[in-house]
Amino acid sequence: MTASEEIARTLGLEAQARPGLRQRWIALGLGTALALVALALWWGRDRPVDYETEGVSRGPLVVRVTATGTLQPVTLVEVGAEISGRVEKVLVDYNDPVEAGEVLAKLDTEQLEARVLQSRANLAVAQAVEQEAQATLTEARNRNRRAEELARERTFSQQDLETAQAGLARAEAGLASARAQLTLARAALESDGVTLSKAVIRSPISGIVIARNVEPGQTLASTFQTPILFTIAEDLSEMRLHVDVDEADVGQVEPGQHATFQVDAYPDRSFEATVLMVRNAAREVEGVVTYEALLGVANPEQLLRPGMTATARIVTRELEDVVRVPNGALRFTPPGSPESVGEPMPGEQRVYVLRDGEPEAVPVRVGLSDGRYSQLTDGDVDVGTPLLVDVRRETDARGRRGS
């Protein structure tokens, strides 16, 4: 290379001396791009879609309704204080078993006992007054009898007779008043005795203490509302599961149906239950309407506790031998534009089968569903017919799996 050519190459004058070189490189790049596009089109055209299928089957179909709720004791009693006073003793605590009539707590009875003593004294006074009135009546009767005898013998004036008769009437009225006062005194004593007995808080049922809301020394004021001291569950070996059933499902739930449920405390264990009733009162929360169903639950191991949240699955229908289509086939639509069979009729759905390597829609009608399968009631598919449920992967024209 001469010195002049080296200088021209350094200054970039060589490219100017060969103006056709740039054009040739541009043409080569465009040709390569067109070739790649053509290859991609050929590759995509020659790689048919491979579908995942699941066959129409025959077998059992169990229809369930799912609902959530909480566990509660069969009988839950809140024990309160009917009188005011200071709590002197609390004899039970959480989870203690109690028998009906057992003492749970005691209130201070000093004032109540004083009131009972006063009522007893008032009763004694009323009894004495009644006895005095009885003696006065006896005296008045005797005086009146003698006055009547003397009046018949005309040795007693009419005025004296009338005075004796009036005295008898007053004595009878006095006895009646004394007897009424005696009745009031007895009632007051009985009332004070009942009030004194209420200072001892007893359990109305046999069960387990699940809540205690009182401490010794606490002052209770039973004025407008009874203070709740204890909550007692009658028997935790039998419980009730209260669940909220959606209004769309409540028509399927009936007493006697079997159910299973799970709780978070034992995620790997399923518990049995039976529907006892479905209450007619509706509940509406944020526009969602539900109905409360009551399920009976056996709890012999007492693993379940009041207030636990449970998810129940109520068996509403059990079919032993039906033709089933997978729900995945009812939801699946192939990519692209498969051959059309027209719009489905009301109540119809579509499933897809492969005909000559292409998906073809088949109208079907289905009935009950368990969430995975639906009962086939009408449709041109037989048991064993593979239905398209998903796109798995692609294959090339020679059957090799693509990446």
Protein backbone atom coordinates (compact mmCIF):
# COMPACT_ATOMS: atom_id res chain seq x y z
CA MET A 1 0.00 0.00 0.00
CA THR A 2 1.40 3.36 -1.01
CA ALA A 3 1.76 6.26 1.35
CA SER A 4 -1.02 8.15 -0.41
CA GLU A 5 -3.44 5.21 -0.07
CA GLU A 6 -2.60 4.89 3.68
CA ILE A 7 -3.28 8.58 4.21
CA ALA A 8 -6.58 8.32 2.34
CA ARG A 9 -7.64 5.34 4.43
CA THR A 10 -6.78 7.17 7.67
CA LEU A 11 -8.84 10.21 6.63
CA GLY A 12 -11.81 8.10 5.51
CA LEU A 13 -11.34 9.08 1.90
CA GLU A 14 -11.26 5.42 0.85
CA ALA A 15 -15.02 4.95 1.47
CA GLN A 16 -15.71 7.99 -0.65
CA ALA A 17 -13.63 6.45 -3.38
CA ARG A 18 -15.88 3.32 -3.30
CA PRO A 19 -19.48 4.69 -3.15
CA GLY A 20 -21.26 1.32 -3.98
CA LEU A 21 -19.97 -0.61 -0.93
CA ARG A 22 -22.52 0.93 1.56
CA GLN A 23 -25.46 0.11 -0.71
CA ARG A 24 -24.38 -3.50 -1.02
CA TRP A 25 -24.31 -3.92 2.80
CA ILE A 26 -27.80 -2.39 3.17
CA ALA A 27 -29.22 -4.72 0.54
CA LEU A 28 -27.65 -7.73 2.28
CA GLY A 29 -29.22 -6.74 5.65
CA LEU A 30 -32.71 -6.31 4.16
CA GLY A 31 -32.50 -9.67 2.48
CA THR A 32 -31.51 -11.37 5.73
CA ALA A 33 -34.45 -9.74 7.61
CA LEU A 34 -36.95 -10.84 4.97
CA ALA A 35 -35.59 -14.36 5.15
CA LEU A 36 -36.03 -14.47 8.93
CA VAL A 37 -39.62 -13.19 8.69
CA ALA A 38 -40.43 -15.80 6.08
CA LEU A 39 -38.87 -18.52 8.23
CA ALA A 40 -40.92 -17.41 11.27
CA LEU A 41 -44.14 -17.46 9.27
CA TRP A 42 -43.32 -20.90 7.94
CA TRP A 43 -42.42 -22.16 11.41
CA GLY A 44 -45.61 -20.85 13.00
CA ARG A 45 -47.80 -22.16 10.19
CA ASP A 46 -46.25 -25.56 10.39
CA ARG A 47 -46.48 -25.89 14.22
CA PRO A 48 -50.09 -26.88 15.10
CA VAL A 49 -51.51 -26.26 18.62
CA ASP A 50 -51.38 -29.25 20.96
CA TYR A 51 -54.39 -29.47 23.32
CA GLU A 52 -54.78 -31.01 26.72
CA THR A 53 -57.90 -33.19 26.91
CA GLU A 54 -60.03 -34.93 29.51
CA GLY A 55 -62.59 -37.55 28.67
CA VAL A 56 -66.31 -37.74 29.36
CA SER A 57 -66.71 -40.18 32.27
CA ARG A 58 -69.36 -42.04 34.21
CA GLY A 59 -69.42 -42.08 38.00
CA PRO A 60 -70.84 -40.56 41.20
CA LEU A 61 -71.62 -36.88 41.56
CA VAL A 62 -71.86 -35.30 45.02
CA VAL A 63 -73.25 -31.77 45.13
CA ARG A 64 -72.20 -29.64 48.09
CA VAL A 65 -72.98 -26.16 49.38
CA THR A 66 -70.18 -24.33 51.15
CA ALA A 67 -70.92 -22.02 54.08
CA THR A 68 -68.95 -20.48 56.94
CA GLY A 69 -69.94 -19.87 60.53
CA THR A 70 -69.01 -20.33 64.18
CA LEU A 71 -69.36 -23.09 66.75
CA GLN A 72 -71.54 -22.49 69.80
CA PRO A 73 -72.67 -24.62 72.78
CA VAL A 74 -76.11 -26.19 72.63
CA THR A 75 -77.17 -24.22 75.71
CA LEU A 76 -75.39 -21.06 76.80
CA VAL A 77 -76.59 -19.38 80.00
CA GLU A 78 -75.54 -15.96 81.26
CA VAL A 79 -75.69 -15.76 85.05
CA GLY A 80 -76.24 -12.29 86.51
CA ALA A 81 -76.83 -10.58 89.83
CA GLU A 82 -80.40 -9.53 90.61
CA ILE A 83 -79.42 -7.30 93.52
CA SER A 84 -76.82 -4.65 94.15
CA GLY A 85 -73.96 -5.12 96.54
CA ARG A 86 -70.29 -5.79 97.04
CA VAL A 87 -68.88 -9.12 95.85
CA GLU A 88 -67.47 -10.95 98.84
CA LYS A 89 -66.33 -14.24 97.28
CA VAL A 90 -65.90 -15.74 93.80
CA LEU A 91 -65.75 -19.52 94.01
CA VAL A 92 -65.26 -20.60 90.36
CA ASP A 93 -62.95 -19.70 87.50
CA TYR A 94 -62.68 -20.23 83.73
CA ASN A 95 -63.20 -23.82 82.52
CA ASP A 96 -64.40 -25.03 85.92
CA PRO A 97 -67.13 -27.68 85.76
CA VAL A 98 -70.18 -26.79 87.84
CA GLU A 99 -73.36 -28.55 88.90
CA ALA A 100 -76.86 -27.10 88.94
CA GLY A 101 -77.33 -25.19 92.20
CA GLU A 102 -73.62 -24.90 92.94
CA VAL A 103 -72.52 -21.59 94.51
CA LEU A 104 -70.57 -19.43 92.06
CA ALA A 105 -70.18 -16.24 94.10
CA LYS A 106 -71.41 -14.52 97.25
CA LEU A 107 -72.29 -10.88 97.93
CA ASP A 108 -71.89 -9.04 101.21
CA THR A 109 -75.05 -9.77 103.25
CA GLU A 110 -74.62 -7.51 106.30
CA GLN A 111 -77.30 -5.02 105.30
CA LEU A 112 -79.58 -7.72 103.97
CA GLU A 113 -79.42 -9.71 107.19
CA ALA A 114 -80.22 -6.56 109.19
CA ARG A 115 -83.24 -5.98 107.00
CA VAL A 116 -84.43 -9.54 107.63
CA LEU A 117 -84.08 -9.06 111.39
CA GLN A 118 -86.11 -5.86 111.18
CA SER A 119 -88.82 -7.63 109.19
CA ARG A 120 -88.95 -10.41 111.77
CA ALA A 121 -89.42 -7.82 114.53
CA ASN A 122 -92.20 -6.13 112.55
CA LEU A 123 -93.85 -9.50 112.14
CA ALA A 124 -93.71 -10.12 115.88
CA VAL A 125 -95.32 -6.72 116.53
CA ALA A 126 -98.05 -7.46 113.98
CA GLN A 127 -98.73 -10.80 115.63
CA ALA A 128 -99.08 -9.10 119.03
CA VAL A 129 -101.43 -6.49 117.60
CA GLU A 130 -103.49 -9.24 116.01
CA GLN A 131 -103.72 -11.08 119.34
CA GLU A 132 -104.78 -7.87 121.09
CA ALA A 133 -107.41 -7.22 118.46
CA GLN A 134 -108.66 -10.78 118.91
CA ALA A 135 -109.01 -10.22 122.69
CA THR A 136 -110.78 -6.90 122.12
CA LEU A 137 -113.23 -8.60 119.79
CA THR A 138 -113.95 -11.31 122.34
CA GLU A 139 -114.63 -8.66 124.99
CA ALA A 140 -116.90 -6.69 122.66
CA ARG A 141 -118.90 -9.80 121.78
CA ASN A 142 -119.47 -10.63 125.44
CA ARG A 143 -120.53 -7.05 126.22
CA ASN A 144 -122.90 -7.01 123.28
CA ARG A 145 -124.46 -10.34 124.35
CA ARG A 146 -125.16 -9.11 127.88
CA ALA A 147 -126.58 -5.86 126.51
CA GLU A 148 -128.99 -7.77 124.29
CA GLU A 149 -130.14 -9.95 127.23
CA LEU A 150 -130.73 -6.93 129.44
CA ALA A 151 -132.53 -5.14 126.63
CA ARG A 152 -134.96 -8.06 126.27
CA GLU A 153 -135.66 -7.81 130.03
CA ARG A 154 -136.13 -4.08 129.56
CA THR A 155 -133.45 -3.36 132.14
CA PHE A 156 -131.02 -1.87 129.59
CA SER A 157 -131.59 1.27 127.58
CA GLN A 158 -131.64 1.29 123.82
CA GLN A 159 -128.73 3.74 123.71
CA ASP A 160 -126.53 1.44 125.79
CA LEU A 161 -127.42 -1.43 123.47
CA GLU A 162 -126.42 0.55 120.40
CA THR A 163 -123.16 1.51 122.10
CA ALA A 164 -122.37 -2.17 122.74
CA GLN A 165 -123.18 -3.05 119.15
CA ALA A 166 -120.92 -0.26 117.83
CA GLY A 167 -118.11 -1.47 120.09
CA LEU A 168 -118.46 -4.96 118.60
CA ALA A 169 -118.25 -3.60 115.06
CA ARG A 170 -115.14 -1.59 115.93
CA ALA A 171 -113.54 -4.67 117.48
CA GLU A 172 -114.24 -6.73 114.35
CA ALA A 173 -112.74 -3.99 112.15
CA GLY A 174 -109.75 -3.74 114.43
CA LEU A 175 -109.12 -7.48 114.14
CA ALA A 176 -109.38 -7.33 110.35
CA SER A 177 -106.88 -4.45 110.27
CA ALA A 178 -104.50 -6.30 112.58
CA ARG A 179 -104.69 -9.40 110.40
CA ALA A 180 -103.94 -7.32 107.28
CA GLN A 181 -100.91 -5.77 109.00
CA LEU A 182 -99.80 -9.27 109.96
CA THR A 183 -100.04 -10.38 106.32
CA LEU A 184 -97.97 -7.37 105.21
CA ALA A 185 -95.34 -8.13 107.85
CA ARG A 186 -95.11 -11.74 106.73
CA ALA A 187 -94.79 -10.68 103.07
CA ALA A 188 -92.06 -8.17 103.93
CA LEU A 189 -90.13 -10.84 105.82
CA GLU A 190 -90.49 -13.28 102.92
CA SER A 191 -89.36 -10.61 100.44
CA ASP A 192 -86.30 -9.73 102.50
CA GLY A 193 -85.52 -13.43 102.84
CA VAL A 194 -85.65 -13.88 99.06
CA THR A 195 -83.40 -10.84 98.60
CA LEU A 196 -80.97 -12.32 101.10
CA SER A 197 -80.94 -15.63 99.23
CA LYS A 198 -80.10 -13.80 95.98
CA ALA A 199 -76.86 -12.64 97.55
CA VAL A 200 -75.66 -16.18 96.86
CA ILE A 201 -75.16 -16.61 93.10
CA ARG A 202 -75.85 -20.21 92.04
CA SER A 203 -75.48 -22.00 88.74
CA PRO A 204 -78.85 -22.65 87.07
CA ILE A 205 -77.48 -25.57 85.01
CA SER A 206 -74.71 -28.14 85.03
CA GLY A 207 -71.91 -27.27 82.66
CA ILE A 208 -68.59 -25.48 82.23
CA VAL A 209 -67.73 -21.88 83.06
CA ILE A 210 -66.50 -20.30 79.83
CA ALA A 211 -66.52 -16.67 81.00
CA ARG A 212 -66.10 -14.92 84.36
CA ASN A 213 -66.71 -11.17 84.54
CA VAL A 214 -66.44 -10.47 88.26
CA GLU A 215 -63.73 -10.18 90.92
CA PRO A 216 -63.92 -10.19 94.73
CA GLY A 217 -64.46 -6.69 96.12
CA GLN A 218 -66.25 -5.47 93.01
CA THR A 219 -69.45 -3.50 93.62
CA LEU A 220 -72.49 -4.45 91.54
CA ALA A 221 -75.30 -2.04 90.68
CA SER A 222 -78.42 -3.88 89.53
CA THR A 223 -80.54 -0.86 88.70
CA PHE A 224 -81.58 -0.77 85.04
CA GLN A 225 -79.69 -3.81 83.71
CA THR A 226 -78.61 -7.05 85.37
CA PRO A 227 -74.79 -7.35 85.50
CA ILE A 228 -73.58 -10.55 83.78
CA LEU A 229 -71.16 -12.33 86.12
CA PHE A 230 -70.65 -15.74 84.48
CA THR A 231 -71.34 -17.48 81.18
CA ILE A 232 -71.92 -21.22 81.43
CA ALA A 233 -72.07 -23.74 78.59
CA GLU A 234 -74.27 -26.69 79.44
CA ASP A 235 -72.35 -29.49 77.65
CA LEU A 236 -69.49 -29.15 75.17
CA SER A 237 -69.73 -32.78 74.05
CA GLU A 238 -72.62 -31.63 71.85
CA MET A 239 -72.32 -28.34 69.98
CA ARG A 240 -74.07 -26.32 67.28
CA LEU A 241 -72.50 -24.88 64.15
CA HIS A 242 -74.23 -21.69 63.01
CA VAL A 243 -73.44 -21.04 59.32
CA ASP A 244 -74.59 -18.39 56.86
CA VAL A 245 -75.93 -19.92 53.64
CA ASP A 246 -76.05 -17.70 50.55
CA GLU A 247 -79.54 -16.97 49.25
CA ALA A 248 -78.63 -18.65 45.94
CA ASP A 249 -77.95 -21.94 47.77
CA VAL A 250 -80.50 -21.90 50.58
CA GLY A 251 -83.10 -23.70 48.47
CA GLN A 252 -80.87 -26.78 48.36
CA VAL A 253 -80.26 -27.04 52.12
CA GLU A 254 -82.70 -29.12 54.17
CA PRO A 255 -82.80 -30.64 57.67
CA GLY A 256 -81.22 -34.08 57.88
CA GLN A 257 -78.50 -33.47 55.28
CA HIS A 258 -74.98 -34.59 56.09
CA ALA A 259 -72.10 -32.11 56.24
CA THR A 260 -68.41 -31.97 56.98
CA PHE A 261 -66.44 -28.99 58.24
CA GLN A 262 -62.93 -27.91 59.13
CA VAL A 263 -61.50 -25.44 61.63
CA ASP A 264 -58.18 -23.62 61.55
CA ALA A 265 -57.03 -25.29 64.76
CA TYR A 266 -57.04 -28.71 63.04
CA PRO A 267 -56.46 -28.05 59.33
CA ASP A 268 -55.80 -31.72 58.51
CA ARG A 269 -58.93 -33.05 60.19
CA SER A 270 -62.53 -33.11 59.02
CA PHE A 271 -65.48 -33.14 61.45
CA GLU A 272 -69.00 -34.48 60.87
CA ALA A 273 -72.25 -32.54 61.24
CA THR A 274 -75.96 -32.79 60.44
CA VAL A 275 -78.29 -30.01 59.34
CA LEU A 276 -80.92 -29.42 62.04
CA MET A 277 -82.80 -26.40 60.67
CA VAL A 278 -82.65 -23.47 58.28
CA ARG A 279 -84.03 -20.30 59.82
CA ASN A 280 -86.36 -18.14 57.76
CA ALA A 281 -85.05 -14.79 58.99
CA ALA A 282 -82.75 -13.21 56.39
CA ARG A 283 -79.51 -11.40 57.21
CA GLU A 284 -78.22 -8.64 54.96
CA VAL A 285 -74.62 -7.44 55.32
CA GLU A 286 -73.27 -5.00 52.72
CA GLY A 287 -75.97 -6.02 50.27
CA VAL A 288 -75.33 -9.77 50.65
CA VAL A 289 -78.36 -11.76 51.84
CA THR A 290 -77.80 -14.98 53.79
CA TYR A 291 -79.87 -17.37 55.90
CA GLU A 292 -78.68 -19.02 59.09
CA ALA A 293 -78.51 -22.81 59.15
CA LEU A 294 -78.06 -24.75 62.38
CA LEU A 295 -75.90 -27.90 62.28
CA GLY A 296 -75.58 -30.46 65.06
CA VAL A 297 -72.02 -31.46 65.93
CA ALA A 298 -70.80 -34.31 68.14
CA ASN A 299 -67.73 -33.30 70.14
CA PRO A 300 -66.85 -36.34 72.29
CA GLU A 301 -63.15 -35.49 72.41
CA GLN A 302 -63.99 -31.83 73.15
CA LEU A 303 -61.45 -30.64 70.62
CA LEU A 304 -63.89 -28.03 69.34
CA ARG A 305 -64.32 -24.85 71.36
CA PRO A 306 -67.04 -22.19 71.39
CA GLY A 307 -66.40 -19.38 68.94
CA MET A 308 -64.22 -21.35 66.49
CA THR A 309 -64.70 -20.37 62.85
CA ALA A 310 -65.62 -23.30 60.61
CA THR A 311 -66.06 -23.85 56.88
CA ALA A 312 -68.80 -26.40 56.25
CA ARG A 313 -69.62 -28.37 53.11
CA ILE A 314 -73.24 -29.54 53.14
CA VAL A 315 -74.08 -32.50 50.90
CA THR A 316 -77.32 -31.51 49.15
CA ARG A 317 -77.48 -34.21 46.42
CA GLU A 318 -75.75 -37.54 45.81
CA LEU A 319 -76.00 -39.20 42.38
CA GLU A 320 -74.49 -42.67 42.07
CA ASP A 321 -74.02 -43.23 38.32
CA VAL A 322 -74.20 -40.31 35.91
CA VAL A 323 -72.41 -39.19 32.74
CA ARG A 324 -70.04 -36.38 33.70
CA VAL A 325 -68.20 -33.72 31.73
CA PRO A 326 -65.25 -31.88 33.26
CA ASN A 327 -66.01 -28.28 34.15
CA GLY A 328 -62.69 -27.29 32.58
CA ALA A 329 -64.13 -28.29 29.19
CA LEU A 330 -67.17 -26.07 29.76
CA ARG A 331 -64.94 -23.07 30.49
CA PHE A 332 -62.40 -23.63 27.69
CA THR A 333 -62.39 -21.80 24.35
CA PRO A 334 -59.65 -22.71 21.82
CA PRO A 335 -57.37 -19.93 20.52
CA GLY A 336 -58.07 -18.63 17.05
CA SER A 337 -61.39 -19.05 15.28
CA PRO A 338 -62.59 -22.66 15.36
CA GLU A 339 -65.35 -23.77 13.05
CA SER A 340 -68.57 -22.16 14.20
CA VAL A 341 -71.74 -24.11 14.91
CA GLY A 342 -73.81 -21.00 15.48
CA GLU A 343 -74.86 -19.35 18.72
CA PRO A 344 -75.82 -21.77 21.52
CA MET A 345 -79.49 -22.07 22.40
CA PRO A 346 -80.68 -20.80 25.81
CA GLY A 347 -79.52 -23.20 28.51
CA GLU A 348 -76.84 -24.72 26.27
CA GLN A 349 -73.08 -24.62 26.72
CA ARG A 350 -70.22 -25.60 24.44
CA VAL A 351 -67.46 -28.14 24.67
CA TYR A 352 -64.79 -28.72 22.02
CA VAL A 353 -63.53 -31.92 20.43
CA LEU A 354 -60.82 -32.46 17.81
CA ARG A 355 -62.07 -33.35 14.32
CA ASP A 356 -59.37 -33.80 11.69
CA GLY A 357 -56.90 -32.04 13.96
CA GLU A 358 -59.09 -28.95 14.38
CA PRO A 359 -61.29 -28.02 17.38
CA GLU A 360 -65.00 -28.31 16.77
CA ALA A 361 -67.70 -26.96 19.07
CA VAL A 362 -70.39 -29.32 20.36
CA PRO A 363 -73.45 -27.91 22.17
CA VAL A 364 -74.37 -29.68 25.42
CA ARG A 365 -76.74 -29.27 28.32
CA VAL A 366 -75.65 -29.91 31.91
CA GLY A 367 -77.38 -30.29 35.25
CA LEU A 368 -75.92 -30.57 38.73
CA SER A 369 -72.26 -29.81 39.38
CA ASP A 370 -69.83 -30.69 42.17
CA GLY A 371 -67.33 -28.01 41.20
CA ARG A 372 -65.13 -30.36 39.12
CA TYR A 373 -67.68 -32.26 37.04
CA SER A 374 -71.15 -31.46 35.74
CA GLN A 375 -73.94 -33.90 34.97
CA LEU A 376 -74.43 -34.27 31.20
CA THR A 377 -78.14 -34.19 30.41
CA ASP A 378 -77.96 -33.75 26.62
CA GLY A 379 -75.24 -33.52 23.98
CA ASP A 380 -73.56 -35.40 21.12
CA VAL A 381 -70.69 -36.78 23.20
CA ASP A 382 -70.25 -40.24 24.67
CA VAL A 383 -68.41 -41.68 27.65
CA GLY A 384 -64.71 -41.62 26.80
CA THR A 385 -64.93 -38.76 24.29
CA PRO A 386 -61.87 -36.53 24.85
CA LEU A 387 -62.83 -32.90 25.41
CA LEU A 388 -60.44 -29.97 25.10
CA VAL A 389 -59.68 -28.41 28.48
CA ASP A 390 -56.44 -26.44 27.89
CA VAL A 391 -53.57 -25.64 25.52
CA ARG A 392 -50.60 -27.75 26.53
CA ARG A 393 -47.73 -26.85 24.12
CA GLU A 394 -46.91 -26.74 20.40
CA THR A 395 -45.40 -29.36 18.05
CA ASP A 396 -43.63 -28.84 14.75
CA ALA A 397 -44.67 -30.44 11.47
CA ARG A 398 -42.51 -33.48 12.12
CA GLY A 399 -44.05 -34.11 15.58
CA ARG A 400 -41.07 -32.87 17.61
CA ARG A 401 -41.86 -31.08 20.84
CA GLY A 402 -41.08 -27.38 20.90
CA SER A 403 -39.41 -25.75 23.82
